[in-house]
Amino acid sequence: MPEDLSDRSSTLKAWMLMHQIRNLGCYLQDRIGTEHGLTVAQHTVLTAIKYLDDPVKVGDVGRWMGHKVNAASMIADRREVRLTITEKGEDALNKATPHK
């Protein structure tokens, strides 16, 4: 951590620690993905498809990733696209996801 933060608020300390943890997580996820040919976004999408409850829709993945779902397109187009993970996706995810 940077200089002594003893005179700063605990909120600032908590924010700084969360930011550092987030950065480390992104770095590790990027490194793992690079070693296995997946971008961070691809790894995240595969993880969402695998672990969200069926049926998984595009909007579900978007919300899980923290993206806003376009309300207008949801109203105008009532079709649903359901996502499933393929054997190739499952294999890529297993290789790129650290296990115990």
PDB file of N, CA and C in Angstrom:
ATOM      1  N   MET A   1       0.838  -1.185   0.000  1.00  0.00           N
ATOM      2  CA  MET A   1       0.000   0.000   0.000  1.00  0.00           C
ATOM      3  C   MET A   1       0.877   1.239   0.000  1.00  0.00           C
ATOM      4  N   PRO A   2       0.317   2.345  -0.472  1.00  0.00           N
ATOM      5  CA  PRO A   2       1.077   3.596  -0.449  1.00  0.00           C
ATOM      6  C   PRO A   2       1.356   4.060   0.975  1.00  0.00           C
ATOM      7  N   GLU A   3       1.769   5.307   1.099  1.00  0.00           N
ATOM      8  CA  GLU A   3       2.146   5.869   2.398  1.00  0.00           C
ATOM      9  C   GLU A   3       1.143   5.504   3.494  1.00  0.00           C
ATOM     10  N   ASP A   4       1.551   5.709   4.705  1.00  0.00           N
ATOM     11  CA  ASP A   4       0.724   5.396   5.869  1.00  0.00           C
ATOM     12  C   ASP A   4      -0.615   6.124   5.776  1.00  0.00           C
ATOM     13  N   LEU A   5      -1.687   5.358   5.880  1.00  0.00           N
ATOM     14  CA  LEU A   5      -3.019   5.940   5.766  1.00  0.00           C
ATOM     15  C   LEU A   5      -3.717   6.049   7.117  1.00  0.00           C
ATOM     16  N   SER A   6      -2.943   5.994   8.196  1.00  0.00           N
ATOM     17  CA  SER A   6      -3.548   5.981   9.527  1.00  0.00           C
ATOM     18  C   SER A   6      -4.373   7.236   9.804  1.00  0.00           C
ATOM     19  N   ASP A   7      -4.072   8.329   9.115  1.00  0.00           N
ATOM     20  CA  ASP A   7      -4.835   9.546   9.352  1.00  0.00           C
ATOM     21  C   ASP A   7      -6.032   9.666   8.408  1.00  0.00           C
ATOM     22  N   ARG A   8      -6.238   8.689   7.539  1.00  0.00           N
ATOM     23  CA  ARG A   8      -7.344   8.717   6.575  1.00  0.00           C
ATOM     24  C   ARG A   8      -8.524   7.919   7.120  1.00  0.00           C
ATOM     25  N   SER A   9      -9.631   8.098   6.515  1.00  0.00           N
ATOM     26  CA  SER A   9     -10.839   7.403   6.968  1.00  0.00           C
ATOM     27  C   SER A   9     -10.787   5.920   6.608  1.00  0.00           C
ATOM     28  N   SER A  10     -11.505   5.131   7.357  1.00  0.00           N
ATOM     29  CA  SER A  10     -11.558   3.696   7.079  1.00  0.00           C
ATOM     30  C   SER A  10     -12.251   3.433   5.747  1.00  0.00           C
ATOM     31  N   THR A  11     -13.141   4.329   5.331  1.00  0.00           N
ATOM     32  CA  THR A  11     -13.810   4.175   4.034  1.00  0.00           C
ATOM     33  C   THR A  11     -12.798   4.267   2.903  1.00  0.00           C
ATOM     34  N   LEU A  12     -11.902   5.222   2.974  1.00  0.00           N
ATOM     35  CA  LEU A  12     -10.866   5.368   1.958  1.00  0.00           C
ATOM     36  C   LEU A  12      -9.962   4.141   1.940  1.00  0.00           C
ATOM     37  N   LYS A  13      -9.581   3.663   3.102  1.00  0.00           N
ATOM     38  CA  LYS A  13      -8.741   2.468   3.181  1.00  0.00           C
ATOM     39  C   LYS A  13      -9.441   1.276   2.531  1.00  0.00           C
ATOM     40  N   ALA A  14     -10.716   1.101   2.855  1.00  0.00           N
ATOM     41  CA  ALA A  14     -11.475  -0.012   2.287  1.00  0.00           C
ATOM     42  C   ALA A  14     -11.566   0.119   0.770  1.00  0.00           C
ATOM     43  N   TRP A  15     -11.828   1.329   0.284  1.00  0.00           N
ATOM     44  CA  TRP A  15     -11.916   1.559  -1.162  1.00  0.00           C
ATOM     45  C   TRP A  15     -10.598   1.218  -1.834  1.00  0.00           C
ATOM     46  N   MET A  16      -9.490   1.655  -1.260  1.00  0.00           N
ATOM     47  CA  MET A  16      -8.182   1.395  -1.860  1.00  0.00           C
ATOM     48  C   MET A  16      -7.885  -0.105  -1.905  1.00  0.00           C
ATOM     49  N   LEU A  17      -8.212  -0.816  -0.838  1.00  0.00           N
ATOM     50  CA  LEU A  17      -7.994  -2.264  -0.820  1.00  0.00           C
ATOM     51  C   LEU A  17      -8.865  -2.972  -1.849  1.00  0.00           C
ATOM     52  N   MET A  18     -10.130  -2.577  -1.945  1.00  0.00           N
ATOM     53  CA  MET A  18     -11.006  -3.190  -2.949  1.00  0.00           C
ATOM     54  C   MET A  18     -10.492  -2.924  -4.354  1.00  0.00           C
ATOM     55  N   HIS A  19     -10.013  -1.725  -4.597  1.00  0.00           N
ATOM     56  CA  HIS A  19      -9.476  -1.373  -5.902  1.00  0.00           C
ATOM     57  C   HIS A  19      -8.249  -2.236  -6.230  1.00  0.00           C
ATOM     58  N   GLN A  20      -7.366  -2.415  -5.260  1.00  0.00           N
ATOM     59  CA  GLN A  20      -6.185  -3.245  -5.482  1.00  0.00           C
ATOM     60  C   GLN A  20      -6.563  -4.700  -5.727  1.00  0.00           C
ATOM     61  N   ILE A  21      -7.533  -5.204  -4.998  1.00  0.00           N
ATOM     62  CA  ILE A  21      -7.994  -6.582  -5.193  1.00  0.00           C
ATOM     63  C   ILE A  21      -8.605  -6.733  -6.584  1.00  0.00           C
ATOM     64  N   ARG A  22      -9.409  -5.759  -6.992  1.00  0.00           N
ATOM     65  CA  ARG A  22     -10.003  -5.790  -8.332  1.00  0.00           C
ATOM     66  C   ARG A  22      -8.917  -5.794  -9.396  1.00  0.00           C
ATOM     67  N   ASN A  23      -7.931  -4.942  -9.257  1.00  0.00           N
ATOM     68  CA  ASN A  23      -6.839  -4.887 -10.231  1.00  0.00           C
ATOM     69  C   ASN A  23      -6.086  -6.213 -10.301  1.00  0.00           C
ATOM     70  N   LEU A  24      -5.815  -6.807  -9.143  1.00  0.00           N
ATOM     71  CA  LEU A  24      -5.126  -8.094  -9.117  1.00  0.00           C
ATOM     72  C   LEU A  24      -5.976  -9.165  -9.783  1.00  0.00           C
ATOM     73  N   GLY A  25      -7.279  -9.172  -9.498  1.00  0.00           N
ATOM     74  CA  GLY A  25      -8.179 -10.141 -10.129  1.00  0.00           C
ATOM     75  C   GLY A  25      -8.190  -9.990 -11.641  1.00  0.00           C
ATOM     76  N   CYS A  26      -8.256  -8.759 -12.125  1.00  0.00           N
ATOM     77  CA  CYS A  26      -8.239  -8.515 -13.573  1.00  0.00           C
ATOM     78  C   CYS A  26      -6.920  -8.975 -14.188  1.00  0.00           C
ATOM     79  N   TYR A  27      -5.824  -8.679 -13.510  1.00  0.00           N
ATOM     80  CA  TYR A  27      -4.509  -9.095 -14.001  1.00  0.00           C
ATOM     81  C   TYR A  27      -4.438 -10.615 -14.107  1.00  0.00           C
ATOM     82  N   LEU A  28      -4.867 -11.299 -13.055  1.00  0.00           N
ATOM     83  CA  LEU A  28      -4.799 -12.764 -13.055  1.00  0.00           C
ATOM     84  C   LEU A  28      -5.726 -13.363 -14.101  1.00  0.00           C
ATOM     85  N   GLN A  29      -6.929 -12.812 -14.213  1.00  0.00           N
ATOM     86  CA  GLN A  29      -7.875 -13.318 -15.204  1.00  0.00           C
ATOM     87  C   GLN A  29      -7.332 -13.099 -16.614  1.00  0.00           C
ATOM     88  N   ASP A  30      -6.732 -11.949 -16.861  1.00  0.00           N
ATOM     89  CA  ASP A  30      -6.155 -11.655 -18.172  1.00  0.00           C
ATOM     90  C   ASP A  30      -4.992 -12.598 -18.472  1.00  0.00           C
ATOM     91  N   ARG A  31      -4.156 -12.834 -17.480  1.00  0.00           N
ATOM     92  CA  ARG A  31      -2.996 -13.717 -17.665  1.00  0.00           C
ATOM     93  C   ARG A  31      -3.436 -15.151 -17.942  1.00  0.00           C
ATOM     94  N   ILE A  32      -4.408 -15.636 -17.174  1.00  0.00           N
ATOM     95  CA  ILE A  32      -4.925 -16.991 -17.376  1.00  0.00           C
ATOM     96  C   ILE A  32      -5.541 -17.104 -18.768  1.00  0.00           C
ATOM     97  N   GLY A  33      -6.340 -16.118 -19.137  1.00  0.00           N
ATOM     98  CA  GLY A  33      -6.982 -16.139 -20.444  1.00  0.00           C
ATOM     99  C   GLY A  33      -5.986 -16.123 -21.576  1.00  0.00           C
ATOM    100  N   THR A  34      -4.956 -15.308 -21.462  1.00  0.00           N
ATOM    101  CA  THR A  34      -3.933 -15.220 -22.492  1.00  0.00           C
ATOM    102  C   THR A  34      -3.234 -16.566 -22.672  1.00  0.00           C
ATOM    103  N   GLU A  35      -2.948 -17.224 -21.572  1.00  0.00           N
ATOM    104  CA  GLU A  35      -2.267 -18.523 -21.641  1.00  0.00           C
ATOM    105  C   GLU A  35      -3.136 -19.580 -22.309  1.00  0.00           C
ATOM    106  N   HIS A  36      -4.452 -19.397 -22.289  1.00  0.00           N
ATOM    107  CA  HIS A  36      -5.364 -20.405 -22.818  1.00  0.00           C
ATOM    108  C   HIS A  36      -6.185 -19.900 -24.007  1.00  0.00           C
ATOM    109  N   GLY A  37      -5.815 -18.762 -24.556  1.00  0.00           N
ATOM    110  CA  GLY A  37      -6.455 -18.261 -25.766  1.00  0.00           C
ATOM    111  C   GLY A  37      -7.841 -17.662 -25.581  1.00  0.00           C
ATOM    112  N   LEU A  38      -8.150 -17.188 -24.381  1.00  0.00           N
ATOM    113  CA  LEU A  38      -9.433 -16.543 -24.133  1.00  0.00           C
ATOM    114  C   LEU A  38      -9.217 -15.115 -23.686  1.00  0.00           C
ATOM    115  N   THR A  39     -10.089 -14.213 -24.139  1.00  0.00           N
ATOM    116  CA  THR A  39     -10.061 -12.861 -23.600  1.00  0.00           C
ATOM    117  C   THR A  39     -10.765 -12.883 -22.248  1.00  0.00           C
ATOM    118  N   VAL A  40     -10.606 -11.824 -21.485  1.00  0.00           N
ATOM    119  CA  VAL A  40     -11.302 -11.724 -20.199  1.00  0.00           C
ATOM    120  C   VAL A  40     -12.813 -11.798 -20.429  1.00  0.00           C
ATOM    121  N   ALA A  41     -13.296 -11.105 -21.439  1.00  0.00           N
ATOM    122  CA  ALA A  41     -14.730 -11.109 -21.727  1.00  0.00           C
ATOM    123  C   ALA A  41     -15.216 -12.510 -22.094  1.00  0.00           C
ATOM    124  N   GLN A  42     -14.454 -13.233 -22.922  1.00  0.00           N
ATOM    125  CA  GLN A  42     -14.849 -14.588 -23.296  1.00  0.00           C
ATOM    126  C   GLN A  42     -14.905 -15.504 -22.080  1.00  0.00           C
ATOM    127  N   HIS A  43     -13.913 -15.405 -21.221  1.00  0.00           N
ATOM    128  CA  HIS A  43     -13.887 -16.224 -20.007  1.00  0.00           C
ATOM    129  C   HIS A  43     -15.088 -15.900 -19.122  1.00  0.00           C
ATOM    130  N   THR A  44     -15.393 -14.617 -18.992  1.00  0.00           N
ATOM    131  CA  THR A  44     -16.514 -14.192 -18.162  1.00  0.00           C
ATOM    132  C   THR A  44     -17.842 -14.695 -18.721  1.00  0.00           C
ATOM    133  N   VAL A  45     -18.026 -14.588 -20.033  1.00  0.00           N
ATOM    134  CA  VAL A  45     -19.261 -15.051 -20.663  1.00  0.00           C
ATOM    135  C   VAL A  45     -19.414 -16.559 -20.509  1.00  0.00           C
ATOM    136  N   LEU A  46     -18.354 -17.325 -20.754  1.00  0.00           N
ATOM    137  CA  LEU A  46     -18.422 -18.782 -20.590  1.00  0.00           C
ATOM    138  C   LEU A  46     -18.768 -19.157 -19.150  1.00  0.00           C
ATOM    139  N   THR A  47     -18.156 -18.460 -18.199  1.00  0.00           N
ATOM    140  CA  THR A  47     -18.446 -18.728 -16.791  1.00  0.00           C
ATOM    141  C   THR A  47     -19.911 -18.448 -16.476  1.00  0.00           C
ATOM    142  N   ALA A  48     -20.432 -17.328 -16.986  1.00  0.00           N
ATOM    143  CA  ALA A  48     -21.835 -16.981 -16.751  1.00  0.00           C
ATOM    144  C   ALA A  48     -22.760 -18.036 -17.347  1.00  0.00           C
ATOM    145  N   ILE A  49     -22.498 -18.440 -18.583  1.00  0.00           N
ATOM    146  CA  ILE A  49     -23.360 -19.433 -19.238  1.00  0.00           C
ATOM    147  C   ILE A  49     -23.344 -20.746 -18.468  1.00  0.00           C
ATOM    148  N   LYS A  50     -22.181 -21.133 -17.985  1.00  0.00           N
ATOM    149  CA  LYS A  50     -22.063 -22.400 -17.263  1.00  0.00           C
ATOM    150  C   LYS A  50     -22.769 -22.368 -15.911  1.00  0.00           C
ATOM    151  N   TYR A  51     -22.691 -21.269 -15.184  1.00  0.00           N
ATOM    152  CA  TYR A  51     -23.139 -21.267 -13.795  1.00  0.00           C
ATOM    153  C   TYR A  51     -24.468 -20.578 -13.521  1.00  0.00           C
ATOM    154  N   LEU A  52     -25.011 -19.829 -14.483  1.00  0.00           N
ATOM    155  CA  LEU A  52     -26.346 -19.259 -14.280  1.00  0.00           C
ATOM    156  C   LEU A  52     -27.385 -20.363 -14.452  1.00  0.00           C
ATOM    157  N   ASP A  53     -28.527 -20.195 -13.795  1.00  0.00           N
ATOM    158  CA  ASP A  53     -29.594 -21.192 -13.910  1.00  0.00           C
ATOM    159  C   ASP A  53     -30.171 -21.197 -15.319  1.00  0.00           C
ATOM    160  N   ASP A  54     -30.468 -22.401 -15.837  1.00  0.00           N
ATOM    161  CA  ASP A  54     -31.092 -22.551 -17.151  1.00  0.00           C
ATOM    162  C   ASP A  54     -32.527 -22.057 -17.095  1.00  0.00           C
ATOM    163  N   PRO A  55     -33.078 -21.526 -18.151  1.00  0.00           N
ATOM    164  CA  PRO A  55     -32.423 -21.213 -19.400  1.00  0.00           C
ATOM    165  C   PRO A  55     -31.657 -19.895 -19.289  1.00  0.00           C
ATOM    166  N   VAL A  56     -30.473 -19.848 -19.831  1.00  0.00           N
ATOM    167  CA  VAL A  56     -29.637 -18.643 -19.788  1.00  0.00           C
ATOM    168  C   VAL A  56     -29.915 -17.835 -21.051  1.00  0.00           C
ATOM    169  N   LYS A  57     -30.279 -16.577 -20.858  1.00  0.00           N
ATOM    170  CA  LYS A  57     -30.554 -15.683 -21.979  1.00  0.00           C
ATOM    171  C   LYS A  57     -29.458 -14.634 -22.070  1.00  0.00           C
ATOM    172  N   VAL A  58     -29.371 -13.998 -23.220  1.00  0.00           N
ATOM    173  CA  VAL A  58     -28.352 -12.973 -23.448  1.00  0.00           C
ATOM    174  C   VAL A  58     -28.444 -11.885 -22.382  1.00  0.00           C
ATOM    175  N   GLY A  59     -29.661 -11.462 -22.059  1.00  0.00           N
ATOM    176  CA  GLY A  59     -29.846 -10.424 -21.039  1.00  0.00           C
ATOM    177  C   GLY A  59     -29.353 -10.858 -19.673  1.00  0.00           C
ATOM    178  N   ASP A  60     -29.507 -12.161 -19.351  1.00  0.00           N
ATOM    179  CA  ASP A  60     -29.017 -12.685 -18.077  1.00  0.00           C
ATOM    180  C   ASP A  60     -27.504 -12.543 -17.981  1.00  0.00           C
ATOM    181  N   VAL A  61     -26.828 -12.894 -19.074  1.00  0.00           N
ATOM    182  CA  VAL A  61     -25.370 -12.786 -19.094  1.00  0.00           C
ATOM    183  C   VAL A  61     -24.958 -11.329 -18.978  1.00  0.00           C
ATOM    184  N   GLY A  62     -25.645 -10.445 -19.705  1.00  0.00           N
ATOM    185  CA  GLY A  62     -25.339  -9.021 -19.642  1.00  0.00           C
ATOM    186  C   GLY A  62     -25.493  -8.455 -18.240  1.00  0.00           C
ATOM    187  N   ARG A  63     -26.599  -8.813 -17.585  1.00  0.00           N
ATOM    188  CA  ARG A  63     -26.808  -8.332 -16.215  1.00  0.00           C
ATOM    189  C   ARG A  63     -25.753  -8.896 -15.273  1.00  0.00           C
ATOM    190  N   TRP A  64     -25.410 -10.163 -15.429  1.00  0.00           N
ATOM    191  CA  TRP A  64     -24.404 -10.799 -14.578  1.00  0.00           C
ATOM    192  C   TRP A  64     -23.048 -10.108 -14.731  1.00  0.00           C
ATOM    193  N   MET A  65     -22.779  -9.636 -15.963  1.00  0.00           N
ATOM    194  CA  MET A  65     -21.526  -8.940 -16.234  1.00  0.00           C
ATOM    195  C   MET A  65     -21.589  -7.468 -15.839  1.00  0.00           C
ATOM    196  N   GLY A  66     -22.772  -7.007 -15.412  1.00  0.00           N
ATOM    197  CA  GLY A  66     -22.909  -5.618 -14.986  1.00  0.00           C
ATOM    198  C   GLY A  66     -23.269  -4.669 -16.098  1.00  0.00           C
ATOM    199  N   HIS A  67     -23.722  -5.190 -17.237  1.00  0.00           N
ATOM    200  CA  HIS A  67     -24.126  -4.342 -18.352  1.00  0.00           C
ATOM    201  C   HIS A  67     -25.622  -4.100 -18.290  1.00  0.00           C
ATOM    202  N   LYS A  68     -26.043  -2.929 -18.736  1.00  0.00           N
ATOM    203  CA  LYS A  68     -27.470  -2.629 -18.793  1.00  0.00           C
ATOM    204  C   LYS A  68     -28.074  -3.335 -20.005  1.00  0.00           C
ATOM    205  N   VAL A  69     -29.270  -3.825 -19.819  1.00  0.00           N
ATOM    206  CA  VAL A  69     -29.980  -4.472 -20.915  1.00  0.00           C
ATOM    207  C   VAL A  69     -30.819  -3.409 -21.599  1.00  0.00           C
ATOM    208  N   ASN A  70     -30.754  -3.365 -22.914  1.00  0.00           N
ATOM    209  CA  ASN A  70     -31.490  -2.355 -23.671  1.00  0.00           C
ATOM    210  C   ASN A  70     -32.984  -2.643 -23.577  1.00  0.00           C
ATOM    211  N   ALA A  71     -33.692  -1.816 -22.823  1.00  0.00           N
ATOM    212  CA  ALA A  71     -35.116  -2.034 -22.567  1.00  0.00           C
ATOM    213  C   ALA A  71     -35.939  -1.958 -23.844  1.00  0.00           C
ATOM    214  N   ALA A  72     -35.592  -1.075 -24.751  1.00  0.00           N
ATOM    215  CA  ALA A  72     -36.373  -0.918 -25.983  1.00  0.00           C
ATOM    216  C   ALA A  72     -36.334  -2.181 -26.827  1.00  0.00           C
ATOM    217  N   SER A  73     -35.180  -2.768 -26.983  1.00  0.00           N
ATOM    218  CA  SER A  73     -35.100  -3.982 -27.799  1.00  0.00           C
ATOM    219  C   SER A  73     -35.806  -5.140 -27.127  1.00  0.00           C
ATOM    220  N   MET A  74     -35.837  -5.147 -25.809  1.00  0.00           N
ATOM    221  CA  MET A  74     -36.533  -6.207 -25.088  1.00  0.00           C
ATOM    222  C   MET A  74     -38.049  -6.087 -25.309  1.00  0.00           C
ATOM    223  N   ILE A  75     -38.556  -4.858 -25.425  1.00  0.00           N
ATOM    224  CA  ILE A  75     -39.988  -4.647 -25.633  1.00  0.00           C
ATOM    225  C   ILE A  75     -40.353  -4.927 -27.085  1.00  0.00           C
ATOM    226  N   ALA A  76     -39.517  -4.443 -28.027  1.00  0.00           N
ATOM    227  CA  ALA A  76     -39.829  -4.550 -29.451  1.00  0.00           C
ATOM    228  C   ALA A  76     -39.652  -5.969 -29.970  1.00  0.00           C
ATOM    229  N   ASP A  77     -38.761  -6.711 -29.416  1.00  0.00           N
ATOM    230  CA  ASP A  77     -38.453  -8.039 -29.932  1.00  0.00           C
ATOM    231  C   ASP A  77     -38.676  -9.052 -28.822  1.00  0.00           C
ATOM    232  N   ARG A  78     -39.746  -9.797 -28.914  1.00  0.00           N
ATOM    233  CA  ARG A  78     -40.115 -10.741 -27.859  1.00  0.00           C
ATOM    234  C   ARG A  78     -39.404 -12.096 -27.986  1.00  0.00           C
ATOM    235  N   ARG A  79     -38.615 -12.281 -29.036  1.00  0.00           N
ATOM    236  CA  ARG A  79     -37.917 -13.562 -29.190  1.00  0.00           C
ATOM    237  C   ARG A  79     -36.887 -13.708 -28.079  1.00  0.00           C
ATOM    238  N   GLU A  80     -36.689 -14.923 -27.654  1.00  0.00           N
ATOM    239  CA  GLU A  80     -35.685 -15.197 -26.632  1.00  0.00           C
ATOM    240  C   GLU A  80     -34.588 -16.047 -27.247  1.00  0.00           C
ATOM    241  N   VAL A  81     -33.369 -15.693 -26.925  1.00  0.00           N
ATOM    242  CA  VAL A  81     -32.235 -16.499 -27.325  1.00  0.00           C
ATOM    243  C   VAL A  81     -31.714 -17.155 -26.064  1.00  0.00           C
ATOM    244  N   ARG A  82     -31.668 -18.471 -26.073  1.00  0.00           N
ATOM    245  CA  ARG A  82     -31.166 -19.211 -24.918  1.00  0.00           C
ATOM    246  C   ARG A  82     -29.764 -19.696 -25.219  1.00  0.00           C
ATOM    247  N   LEU A  83     -28.897 -19.531 -24.251  1.00  0.00           N
ATOM    248  CA  LEU A  83     -27.491 -19.873 -24.443  1.00  0.00           C
ATOM    249  C   LEU A  83     -27.149 -21.158 -23.717  1.00  0.00           C
ATOM    250  N   THR A  84     -26.334 -21.967 -24.364  1.00  0.00           N
ATOM    251  CA  THR A  84     -25.780 -23.152 -23.723  1.00  0.00           C
ATOM    252  C   THR A  84     -24.298 -23.183 -24.031  1.00  0.00           C
ATOM    253  N   ILE A  85     -23.564 -23.796 -23.165  1.00  0.00           N
ATOM    254  CA  ILE A  85     -22.124 -23.883 -23.377  1.00  0.00           C
ATOM    255  C   ILE A  85     -21.826 -25.125 -24.217  1.00  0.00           C
ATOM    256  N   THR A  86     -21.007 -24.955 -25.234  1.00  0.00           N
ATOM    257  CA  THR A  86     -20.650 -26.069 -26.102  1.00  0.00           C
ATOM    258  C   THR A  86     -19.518 -26.878 -25.472  1.00  0.00           C
ATOM    259  N   GLU A  87     -19.262 -28.027 -26.049  1.00  0.00           N
ATOM    260  CA  GLU A  87     -18.158 -28.851 -25.550  1.00  0.00           C
ATOM    261  C   GLU A  87     -16.829 -28.097 -25.689  1.00  0.00           C
ATOM    262  N   LYS A  88     -16.668 -27.390 -26.803  1.00  0.00           N
ATOM    263  CA  LYS A  88     -15.451 -26.596 -27.011  1.00  0.00           C
ATOM    264  C   LYS A  88     -15.339 -25.482 -25.965  1.00  0.00           C
ATOM    265  N   GLY A  89     -16.456 -24.811 -25.675  1.00  0.00           N
ATOM    266  CA  GLY A  89     -16.467 -23.758 -24.659  1.00  0.00           C
ATOM    267  C   GLY A  89     -16.181 -24.310 -23.280  1.00  0.00           C
ATOM    268  N   GLU A  90     -16.781 -25.457 -22.970  1.00  0.00           N
ATOM    269  CA  GLU A  90     -16.559 -26.117 -21.677  1.00  0.00           C
ATOM    270  C   GLU A  90     -15.082 -26.477 -21.511  1.00  0.00           C
ATOM    271  N   ASP A  91     -14.483 -27.003 -22.572  1.00  0.00           N
ATOM    272  CA  ASP A  91     -13.069 -27.376 -22.522  1.00  0.00           C
ATOM    273  C   ASP A  91     -12.187 -26.146 -22.317  1.00  0.00           C
ATOM    274  N   ALA A  92     -12.469 -25.076 -23.056  1.00  0.00           N
ATOM    275  CA  ALA A  92     -11.686 -23.841 -22.919  1.00  0.00           C
ATOM    276  C   ALA A  92     -11.835 -23.265 -21.515  1.00  0.00           C
ATOM    277  N   LEU A  93     -13.048 -23.272 -20.986  1.00  0.00           N
ATOM    278  CA  LEU A  93     -13.287 -22.741 -19.647  1.00  0.00           C
ATOM    279  C   LEU A  93     -12.552 -23.568 -18.596  1.00  0.00           C
ATOM    280  N   ASN A  94     -12.617 -24.875 -18.703  1.00  0.00           N
ATOM    281  CA  ASN A  94     -11.927 -25.740 -17.737  1.00  0.00           C
ATOM    282  C   ASN A  94     -10.420 -25.519 -17.749  1.00  0.00           C
ATOM    283  N   LYS A  95      -9.839 -25.345 -18.948  1.00  0.00           N
ATOM    284  CA  LYS A  95      -8.398 -25.121 -19.048  1.00  0.00           C
ATOM    285  C   LYS A  95      -7.989 -23.758 -18.487  1.00  0.00           C
ATOM    286  N   ALA A  96      -8.862 -22.757 -18.678  1.00  0.00           N
ATOM    287  CA  ALA A  96      -8.506 -21.382 -18.288  1.00  0.00           C
ATOM    288  C   ALA A  96      -8.913 -21.029 -16.865  1.00  0.00           C
ATOM    289  N   THR A  97      -9.638 -21.893 -16.197  1.00  0.00           N
ATOM    290  CA  THR A  97     -10.114 -21.592 -14.847  1.00  0.00           C
ATOM    291  C   THR A  97      -9.257 -22.337 -13.835  1.00  0.00           C
ATOM    292  N   PRO A  98      -8.607 -21.596 -12.930  1.00  0.00           N
ATOM    293  CA  PRO A  98      -7.773 -22.279 -11.950  1.00  0.00           C
ATOM    294  C   PRO A  98      -8.625 -23.130 -11.007  1.00  0.00           C
ATOM    295  N   HIS A  99      -8.145 -24.308 -10.748  1.00  0.00           N
ATOM    296  CA  HIS A  99      -8.808 -25.215  -9.801  1.00  0.00           C
ATOM    297  C   HIS A  99      -7.903 -25.347  -8.608  1.00  0.00           C
ATOM    298  N   LYS A 100      -8.477 -25.782  -7.499  1.00  0.00           N
ATOM    299  CA  LYS A 100      -7.725 -25.962  -6.253  1.00  0.00           C
ATOM    300  C   LYS A 100      -6.307 -26.137  -6.520  1.00  0.00           C
TER     301      LYS A 100
END
